[in-house]
Amino acid sequence: MAKRKTTGWPEAPVLRAVPAEHWKQLRRGDRVKVKLAPGFENPGQVDAVSGDHSVVWVNLDGGRGRTLVHCGDGVEIVPQES
């Protein structure tokens, strides 16, 4: 089996993903909307937040399961109005 050789890797350093400021206010039990793309949003409840606030677990409403969102995924989490 031949090995695949990759050349021409960019020399730019890898940038650290930083969560949006409002992610730092999220707490377990908060109601949120997970916006995957314009027009595609899923409401749910925050289940867990990592210590650095870069990862959020959300239990989606309607039995759609639990989803993990990382701040570098390009997915927006918006707190819902009470």
Protein backbone atom coordinates (compact mmCIF):
# COMPACT_ATOMS: atom_id res chain seq x y z
CA MET A 1 0.00 0.00 0.00
CA ALA A 2 1.42 3.38 -0.97
CA LYS A 3 1.80 6.15 1.57
CA ARG A 4 0.15 9.44 0.84
CA LYS A 5 2.70 12.21 0.98
CA THR A 6 1.48 15.69 1.85
CA THR A 7 3.57 18.68 0.90
CA GLY A 8 3.08 22.39 0.96
CA TRP A 9 1.67 22.74 4.49
CA PRO A 10 1.12 26.38 5.34
CA GLU A 11 3.62 27.82 7.78
CA ALA A 12 1.03 29.91 9.65
CA PRO A 13 0.65 29.04 13.34
CA VAL A 14 -2.51 27.39 14.59
CA LEU A 15 -4.75 29.97 16.26
CA ARG A 16 -6.45 29.25 19.57
CA ALA A 17 -10.25 29.19 19.37
CA VAL A 18 -11.69 31.77 21.75
CA PRO A 19 -15.35 31.66 22.88
CA ALA A 20 -17.60 34.67 22.38
CA GLU A 21 -18.02 36.86 25.47
CA HIS A 22 -21.62 35.74 26.08
CA TRP A 23 -20.46 32.08 26.23
CA LYS A 24 -18.65 32.99 29.45
CA GLN A 25 -22.02 33.82 31.05
CA LEU A 26 -23.61 30.44 30.21
CA ARG A 27 -24.47 28.20 33.14
CA ARG A 28 -26.06 24.78 33.48
CA GLY A 29 -29.84 25.06 33.14
CA ASP A 30 -29.80 28.19 30.95
CA ARG A 31 -32.24 28.20 28.02
CA VAL A 32 -30.47 28.78 24.69
CA LYS A 33 -30.89 28.58 20.93
CA VAL A 34 -28.21 26.72 18.95
CA LYS A 35 -27.93 28.40 15.53
CA LEU A 36 -26.31 26.02 13.07
CA ALA A 37 -26.86 28.19 9.99
CA PRO A 38 -29.20 31.03 9.03
CA GLY A 39 -32.73 29.70 9.45
CA PHE A 40 -31.64 26.54 11.29
CA GLU A 41 -31.85 26.90 15.04
CA ASN A 42 -32.58 24.44 17.81
CA PRO A 43 -33.76 25.49 21.26
CA GLY A 44 -32.47 23.64 24.28
CA GLN A 45 -31.01 23.78 27.76
CA VAL A 46 -27.33 24.02 28.71
CA ASP A 47 -26.27 20.74 30.33
CA ALA A 48 -22.56 21.43 30.90
CA VAL A 49 -19.89 24.04 30.19
CA SER A 50 -16.14 23.43 30.17
CA GLY A 51 -13.93 25.34 32.60
CA ASP A 52 -12.58 27.62 29.86
CA HIS A 53 -16.08 28.07 28.32
CA SER A 54 -14.90 26.83 24.92
CA VAL A 55 -17.17 23.74 24.96
CA VAL A 56 -20.89 23.64 25.76
CA TRP A 57 -23.19 20.60 25.95
CA VAL A 58 -26.84 21.38 25.12
CA ASN A 59 -29.87 19.10 25.61
CA LEU A 60 -32.03 19.90 22.60
CA ASP A 61 -35.79 20.25 23.01
CA GLY A 62 -38.23 17.75 21.56
CA GLY A 63 -36.13 14.67 22.33
CA ARG A 64 -33.55 15.55 19.68
CA GLY A 65 -30.68 14.51 21.93
CA ARG A 66 -27.65 16.17 23.41
CA THR A 67 -25.14 18.07 21.29
CA LEU A 68 -21.60 19.28 21.94
CA VAL A 69 -20.67 22.70 20.56
CA HIS A 70 -17.11 24.01 20.44
CA CYS A 71 -16.41 27.72 20.03
CA GLY A 72 -14.37 27.00 16.90
CA ASP A 73 -17.24 25.15 15.16
CA GLY A 74 -18.83 28.27 13.74
CA VAL A 75 -22.06 27.49 15.60
CA GLU A 76 -23.72 30.29 17.55
CA ILE A 77 -25.31 29.80 20.97
CA VAL A 78 -27.74 32.56 21.92
CA PRO A 79 -29.38 32.85 25.34
CA GLN A 80 -33.19 32.78 25.14
CA GLU A 81 -35.31 35.43 26.78
CA SER A 82 -37.11 34.11 29.88
